[in-house]
PDB file of all heavy atoms in Angstrom:
ATOM      1  N   PHE A   1      10.034  -9.569   3.350  1.00  0.00           N
ATOM      2  CA  PHE A   1       8.834  -9.491   2.431  1.00  0.00           C
ATOM      3  C   PHE A   1       7.764  -8.561   3.062  1.00  0.00           C
ATOM      4  O   PHE A   1       7.245  -7.720   2.375  1.00  0.00           O
ATOM      5  CB  PHE A   1       8.190 -10.837   2.220  1.00  0.00           C
ATOM      6  CG  PHE A   1       8.942 -11.759   1.245  1.00  0.00           C
ATOM      7  CD1 PHE A   1       9.124 -13.054   1.535  1.00  0.00           C
ATOM      8  CD2 PHE A   1       9.390 -11.287   0.085  1.00  0.00           C
ATOM      9  CE1 PHE A   1       9.770 -13.972   0.665  1.00  0.00           C
ATOM     10  CE2 PHE A   1      10.039 -12.114  -0.853  1.00  0.00           C
ATOM     11  CZ  PHE A   1      10.243 -13.496  -0.544  1.00  0.00           C
ATOM     12  N   THR A   2       7.522  -8.783   4.344  1.00  0.00           N
ATOM     13  CA  THR A   2       6.529  -7.983   5.029  1.00  0.00           C
ATOM     14  C   THR A   2       6.855  -6.521   5.080  1.00  0.00           C
ATOM     15  O   THR A   2       6.064  -5.642   4.796  1.00  0.00           O
ATOM     16  CB  THR A   2       6.291  -8.518   6.451  1.00  0.00           C
ATOM     17  OG1 THR A   2       5.926  -9.924   6.352  1.00  0.00           O
ATOM     18  CG2 THR A   2       5.247  -7.811   7.191  1.00  0.00           C
ATOM     19  N   THR A   3       8.113  -6.246   5.341  1.00  0.00           N
ATOM     20  CA  THR A   3       8.578  -4.842   5.383  1.00  0.00           C
ATOM     21  C   THR A   3       8.463  -4.205   3.944  1.00  0.00           C
ATOM     22  O   THR A   3       8.040  -3.056   3.828  1.00  0.00           O
ATOM     23  CB  THR A   3      10.088  -4.781   5.784  1.00  0.00           C
ATOM     24  OG1 THR A   3      10.148  -5.326   7.129  1.00  0.00           O
ATOM     25  CG2 THR A   3      10.667  -3.330   5.753  1.00  0.00           C
ATOM     26  N   ASP A   4       8.759  -4.965   2.918  1.00  0.00           N
ATOM     27  CA  ASP A   4       8.604  -4.474   1.548  1.00  0.00           C
ATOM     28  C   ASP A   4       7.161  -4.131   1.282  1.00  0.00           C
ATOM     29  O   ASP A   4       6.847  -3.102   0.635  1.00  0.00           O
ATOM     30  CB  ASP A   4       9.138  -5.471   0.521  1.00  0.00           C
ATOM     31  CG  ASP A   4      10.619  -5.623   0.572  1.00  0.00           C
ATOM     32  OD1 ASP A   4      11.337  -4.800   1.162  1.00  0.00           O
ATOM     33  OD2 ASP A   4      11.138  -6.640   0.000  1.00  0.00           O
ATOM     34  N   VAL A   5       6.231  -5.034   1.662  1.00  0.00           N
ATOM     35  CA  VAL A   5       4.787  -4.754   1.396  1.00  0.00           C
ATOM     36  C   VAL A   5       4.334  -3.518   2.126  1.00  0.00           C
ATOM     37  O   VAL A   5       3.594  -2.702   1.576  1.00  0.00           O
ATOM     38  CB  VAL A   5       3.952  -6.002   1.717  1.00  0.00           C
ATOM     39  CG1 VAL A   5       2.484  -5.654   1.714  1.00  0.00           C
ATOM     40  CG2 VAL A   5       4.236  -7.157   0.757  1.00  0.00           C
ATOM     41  N   LEU A   6       4.799  -3.352   3.338  1.00  0.00           N
ATOM     42  CA  LEU A   6       4.350  -2.138   4.093  1.00  0.00           C
ATOM     43  C   LEU A   6       4.927  -0.868   3.506  1.00  0.00           C
ATOM     44  O   LEU A   6       4.277   0.127   3.493  1.00  0.00           O
ATOM     45  CB  LEU A   6       4.775  -2.332   5.575  1.00  0.00           C
ATOM     46  CG  LEU A   6       4.015  -3.403   6.337  1.00  0.00           C
ATOM     47  CD1 LEU A   6       4.548  -3.550   7.729  1.00  0.00           C
ATOM     48  CD2 LEU A   6       2.517  -3.076   6.366  1.00  0.00           C
ATOM     49  N   ALA A   7       6.134  -0.923   2.951  1.00  0.00           N
ATOM     50  CA  ALA A   7       6.693   0.191   2.280  1.00  0.00           C
ATOM     51  C   ALA A   7       5.893   0.548   1.032  1.00  0.00           C
ATOM     52  O   ALA A   7       5.587   1.711   0.736  1.00  0.00           O
ATOM     53  CB  ALA A   7       8.174  -0.027   1.886  1.00  0.00           C
ATOM     54  N   LEU A   8       5.477  -0.511   0.270  1.00  0.00           N
ATOM     55  CA  LEU A   8       4.672  -0.293  -0.914  1.00  0.00           C
ATOM     56  C   LEU A   8       3.312   0.254  -0.498  1.00  0.00           C
ATOM     57  O   LEU A   8       2.778   1.147  -1.198  1.00  0.00           O
ATOM     58  CB  LEU A   8       4.502  -1.640  -1.637  1.00  0.00           C
ATOM     59  CG  LEU A   8       3.674  -1.573  -2.924  1.00  0.00           C
ATOM     60  CD1 LEU A   8       4.229  -0.579  -3.924  1.00  0.00           C
ATOM     61  CD2 LEU A   8       3.595  -2.950  -3.566  1.00  0.00           C
ATOM     62  N   TYR A   9       2.728  -0.245   0.607  1.00  0.00           N
ATOM     63  CA  TYR A   9       1.489   0.237   1.093  1.00  0.00           C
ATOM     64  C   TYR A   9       1.578   1.736   1.428  1.00  0.00           C
ATOM     65  O   TYR A   9       0.694   2.551   0.999  1.00  0.00           O
ATOM     66  CB  TYR A   9       1.053  -0.483   2.347  1.00  0.00           C
ATOM     67  CG  TYR A   9      -0.173   0.124   3.028  1.00  0.00           C
ATOM     68  CD1 TYR A   9      -1.441  -0.183   2.580  1.00  0.00           C
ATOM     69  CD2 TYR A   9      -0.045   1.016   4.089  1.00  0.00           C
ATOM     70  CE1 TYR A   9      -2.590   0.353   3.231  1.00  0.00           C
ATOM     71  CE2 TYR A   9      -1.115   1.586   4.665  1.00  0.00           C
ATOM     72  CZ  TYR A   9      -2.431   1.272   4.231  1.00  0.00           C
ATOM     73  OH  TYR A   9      -3.486   1.843   4.807  1.00  0.00           O
ATOM     74  N   ASP A  10       2.636   2.138   2.101  1.00  0.00           N
ATOM     75  CA  ASP A  10       2.843   3.584   2.459  1.00  0.00           C
ATOM     76  C   ASP A  10       2.959   4.445   1.172  1.00  0.00           C
ATOM     77  O   ASP A  10       2.347   5.502   1.105  1.00  0.00           O
ATOM     78  CB  ASP A  10       4.095   3.786   3.282  1.00  0.00           C
ATOM     79  CG  ASP A  10       3.988   3.168   4.677  1.00  0.00           C
ATOM     80  OD1 ASP A  10       2.803   2.997   5.155  1.00  0.00           O
ATOM     81  OD2 ASP A  10       5.047   2.884   5.311  1.00  0.00           O
ATOM     82  N   TRP A  11       3.666   3.940   0.195  1.00  0.00           N
ATOM     83  CA  TRP A  11       3.838   4.626  -1.071  1.00  0.00           C
ATOM     84  C   TRP A  11       2.500   4.811  -1.770  1.00  0.00           C
ATOM     85  O   TRP A  11       2.159   5.854  -2.244  1.00  0.00           O
ATOM     86  CB  TRP A  11       4.834   3.878  -1.964  1.00  0.00           C
ATOM     87  CG  TRP A  11       5.101   4.534  -3.254  1.00  0.00           C
ATOM     88  CD1 TRP A  11       6.056   5.472  -3.528  1.00  0.00           C
ATOM     89  CD2 TRP A  11       4.388   4.306  -4.517  1.00  0.00           C
ATOM     90  NE1 TRP A  11       6.014   5.859  -4.875  1.00  0.00           N
ATOM     91  CE2 TRP A  11       4.978   5.179  -5.474  1.00  0.00           C
ATOM     92  CE3 TRP A  11       3.341   3.498  -4.878  1.00  0.00           C
ATOM     93  CZ2 TRP A  11       4.541   5.230  -6.799  1.00  0.00           C
ATOM     94  CZ3 TRP A  11       2.880   3.554  -6.152  1.00  0.00           C
ATOM     95  CH2 TRP A  11       3.510   4.389  -7.137  1.00  0.00           C
ATOM     96  N   ALA A  12       1.736   3.677  -1.841  1.00  0.00           N
ATOM     97  CA  ALA A  12       0.417   3.739  -2.523  1.00  0.00           C
ATOM     98  C   ALA A  12      -0.578   4.612  -1.763  1.00  0.00           C
ATOM     99  O   ALA A  12      -1.326   5.403  -2.368  1.00  0.00           O
ATOM    100  CB  ALA A  12      -0.105   2.327  -2.703  1.00  0.00           C
ATOM    101  N   LYS A  13      -0.517   4.483  -0.490  1.00  0.00           N
ATOM    102  CA  LYS A  13      -1.506   5.286   0.364  1.00  0.00           C
ATOM    103  C   LYS A  13      -1.229   6.791   0.185  1.00  0.00           C
ATOM    104  O   LYS A  13      -2.195   7.579   0.125  1.00  0.00           O
ATOM    105  CB  LYS A  13      -1.381   4.833   1.826  1.00  0.00           C
ATOM    106  CG  LYS A  13      -2.497   5.389   2.730  1.00  0.00           C
ATOM    107  CD  LYS A  13      -3.762   4.712   2.368  1.00  0.00           C
ATOM    108  CE  LYS A  13      -4.868   5.075   3.315  1.00  0.00           C
ATOM    109  NZ  LYS A  13      -6.165   4.703   2.812  1.00  0.00           N
ATOM    110  N   ALA A  14       0.019   7.152   0.112  1.00  0.00           N
ATOM    111  CA  ALA A  14       0.397   8.569  -0.067  1.00  0.00           C
ATOM    112  C   ALA A  14      -0.090   9.110  -1.385  1.00  0.00           C
ATOM    113  O   ALA A  14      -0.251  10.341  -1.540  1.00  0.00           O
ATOM    114  CB  ALA A  14       1.864   8.736   0.092  1.00  0.00           C
ATOM    115  N   ARG A  15      -0.359   8.284  -2.365  1.00  0.00           N
ATOM    116  CA  ARG A  15      -0.719   8.730  -3.678  1.00  0.00           C
ATOM    117  C   ARG A  15      -2.133   8.372  -4.103  1.00  0.00           C
ATOM    118  O   ARG A  15      -2.563   8.691  -5.220  1.00  0.00           O
ATOM    119  CB  ARG A  15       0.247   8.071  -4.700  1.00  0.00           C
ATOM    120  CG  ARG A  15       1.667   8.719  -4.618  1.00  0.00           C
ATOM    121  CD  ARG A  15       2.707   7.671  -5.130  1.00  0.00           C
ATOM    122  NE  ARG A  15       4.036   8.274  -5.057  1.00  0.00           N
ATOM    123  CZ  ARG A  15       4.741   8.332  -3.935  1.00  0.00           C
ATOM    124  NH1 ARG A  15       4.289   7.841  -2.846  1.00  0.00           N
ATOM    125  NH2 ARG A  15       5.981   8.825  -3.960  1.00  0.00           N
ATOM    126  N   SER A  16      -2.856   7.715  -3.277  1.00  0.00           N
ATOM    127  CA  SER A  16      -4.141   7.128  -3.667  1.00  0.00           C
ATOM    128  C   SER A  16      -5.373   7.983  -3.325  1.00  0.00           C
ATOM    129  O   SER A  16      -6.492   7.692  -3.688  1.00  0.00           O
ATOM    130  CB  SER A  16      -4.340   5.711  -3.037  1.00  0.00           C
ATOM    131  OG  SER A  16      -4.532   5.823  -1.644  1.00  0.00           O
ATOM    132  N   GLY A  17      -5.137   9.052  -2.530  1.00  0.00           N
ATOM    133  CA  GLY A  17      -6.337   9.834  -2.115  1.00  0.00           C
ATOM    134  C   GLY A  17      -7.199   8.956  -1.274  1.00  0.00           C
ATOM    135  O   GLY A  17      -6.780   8.352  -0.290  1.00  0.00           O
ATOM    136  N   ASN A  18      -8.506   8.944  -1.677  1.00  0.00           N
ATOM    137  CA  ASN A  18      -9.473   8.176  -0.876  1.00  0.00           C
ATOM    138  C   ASN A  18      -9.752   6.816  -1.479  1.00  0.00           C
ATOM    139  O   ASN A  18     -10.672   6.120  -1.077  1.00  0.00           O
ATOM    140  CB  ASN A  18     -10.781   8.939  -0.819  1.00  0.00           C
ATOM    141  CG  ASN A  18     -10.703  10.140   0.110  1.00  0.00           C
ATOM    142  OD1 ASN A  18      -9.868  10.187   1.038  1.00  0.00           O
ATOM    143  ND2 ASN A  18     -11.395  11.206  -0.217  1.00  0.00           N
ATOM    144  N   SER A  19      -8.900   6.396  -2.467  1.00  0.00           N
ATOM    145  CA  SER A  19      -9.120   5.108  -3.058  1.00  0.00           C
ATOM    146  C   SER A  19      -8.785   3.989  -2.066  1.00  0.00           C
ATOM    147  O   SER A  19      -7.949   4.091  -1.171  1.00  0.00           O
ATOM    148  CB  SER A  19      -8.150   4.948  -4.268  1.00  0.00           C
ATOM    149  OG  SER A  19      -8.501   5.862  -5.245  1.00  0.00           O
ATOM    150  N   SER A  20      -9.473   2.870  -2.258  1.00  0.00           N
ATOM    151  CA  SER A  20      -9.276   1.720  -1.396  1.00  0.00           C
ATOM    152  C   SER A  20      -7.941   1.057  -1.768  1.00  0.00           C
ATOM    153  O   SER A  20      -7.530   1.026  -2.947  1.00  0.00           O
ATOM    154  CB  SER A  20     -10.382   0.683  -1.638  1.00  0.00           C
ATOM    155  OG  SER A  20     -11.580   1.150  -1.136  1.00  0.00           O
ATOM    156  N   ILE A  21      -7.315   0.558  -0.774  1.00  0.00           N
ATOM    157  CA  ILE A  21      -6.055  -0.276  -1.026  1.00  0.00           C
ATOM    158  C   ILE A  21      -6.305  -1.618  -0.366  1.00  0.00           C
ATOM    159  O   ILE A  21      -6.663  -1.740   0.809  1.00  0.00           O
ATOM    160  CB  ILE A  21      -4.842   0.407  -0.367  1.00  0.00           C
ATOM    161  CG1 ILE A  21      -4.547   1.728  -1.108  1.00  0.00           C
ATOM    162  CG2 ILE A  21      -3.630  -0.550  -0.483  1.00  0.00           C
ATOM    163  CD1 ILE A  21      -3.422   2.508  -0.478  1.00  0.00           C
ATOM    164  N   LEU A  22      -6.063  -2.689  -1.128  1.00  0.00           N
ATOM    165  CA  LEU A  22      -6.216  -4.020  -0.581  1.00  0.00           C
ATOM    166  C   LEU A  22      -4.958  -4.795  -0.805  1.00  0.00           C
ATOM    167  O   LEU A  22      -4.172  -4.458  -1.720  1.00  0.00           O
ATOM    168  CB  LEU A  22      -7.455  -4.704  -1.180  1.00  0.00           C
ATOM    169  CG  LEU A  22      -7.540  -4.881  -2.685  1.00  0.00           C
ATOM    170  CD1 LEU A  22      -6.936  -6.168  -3.092  1.00  0.00           C
ATOM    171  CD2 LEU A  22      -8.998  -4.785  -3.113  1.00  0.00           C
ATOM    172  N   PHE A  23      -4.751  -5.825  -0.018  1.00  0.00           N
ATOM    173  CA  PHE A  23      -3.627  -6.683  -0.168  1.00  0.00           C
ATOM    174  C   PHE A  23      -4.193  -7.941  -0.902  1.00  0.00           C
ATOM    175  O   PHE A  23      -5.170  -8.516  -0.459  1.00  0.00           O
ATOM    176  CB  PHE A  23      -3.008  -7.124   1.114  1.00  0.00           C
ATOM    177  CG  PHE A  23      -2.285  -6.018   1.880  1.00  0.00           C
ATOM    178  CD1 PHE A  23      -2.009  -6.120   3.239  1.00  0.00           C
ATOM    179  CD2 PHE A  23      -1.862  -4.878   1.254  1.00  0.00           C
ATOM    180  CE1 PHE A  23      -1.363  -5.112   3.942  1.00  0.00           C
ATOM    181  CE2 PHE A  23      -1.161  -3.856   1.919  1.00  0.00           C
ATOM    182  CZ  PHE A  23      -0.942  -4.011   3.264  1.00  0.00           C
ATOM    183  N   TRP A  24      -3.532  -8.349  -1.970  1.00  0.00           N
ATOM    184  CA  TRP A  24      -3.901  -9.514  -2.738  1.00  0.00           C
ATOM    185  C   TRP A  24      -2.687 -10.346  -2.782  1.00  0.00           C
ATOM    186  O   TRP A  24      -1.669 -10.045  -3.448  1.00  0.00           O
ATOM    187  CB  TRP A  24      -4.360  -9.138  -4.141  1.00  0.00           C
ATOM    188  CG  TRP A  24      -4.988 -10.215  -4.924  1.00  0.00           C
ATOM    189  CD1 TRP A  24      -4.395 -11.429  -5.222  1.00  0.00           C
ATOM    190  CD2 TRP A  24      -6.242 -10.205  -5.602  1.00  0.00           C
ATOM    191  NE1 TRP A  24      -5.237 -12.206  -5.972  1.00  0.00           N
ATOM    192  CE2 TRP A  24      -6.410 -11.441  -6.247  1.00  0.00           C
ATOM    193  CE3 TRP A  24      -7.214  -9.230  -5.746  1.00  0.00           C
ATOM    194  CZ2 TRP A  24      -7.504 -11.772  -7.031  1.00  0.00           C
ATOM    195  CZ3 TRP A  24      -8.359  -9.537  -6.487  1.00  0.00           C
ATOM    196  CH2 TRP A  24      -8.487 -10.766  -7.111  1.00  0.00           C
ATOM    197  N   GLY A  25      -2.792 -11.567  -2.210  1.00  0.00           N
ATOM    198  CA  GLY A  25      -1.660 -12.460  -2.197  1.00  0.00           C
ATOM    199  C   GLY A  25      -2.060 -13.773  -2.950  1.00  0.00           C
ATOM    200  O   GLY A  25      -3.184 -14.200  -2.835  1.00  0.00           O
TER     201      GLY A  25
END
């Protein structure tokens, strides 16, 4: 699960520019 979330974070960060990214569980 943790590895999947980090992969998703990397994907979102690469496409988000300067937008904030937060984890919501």
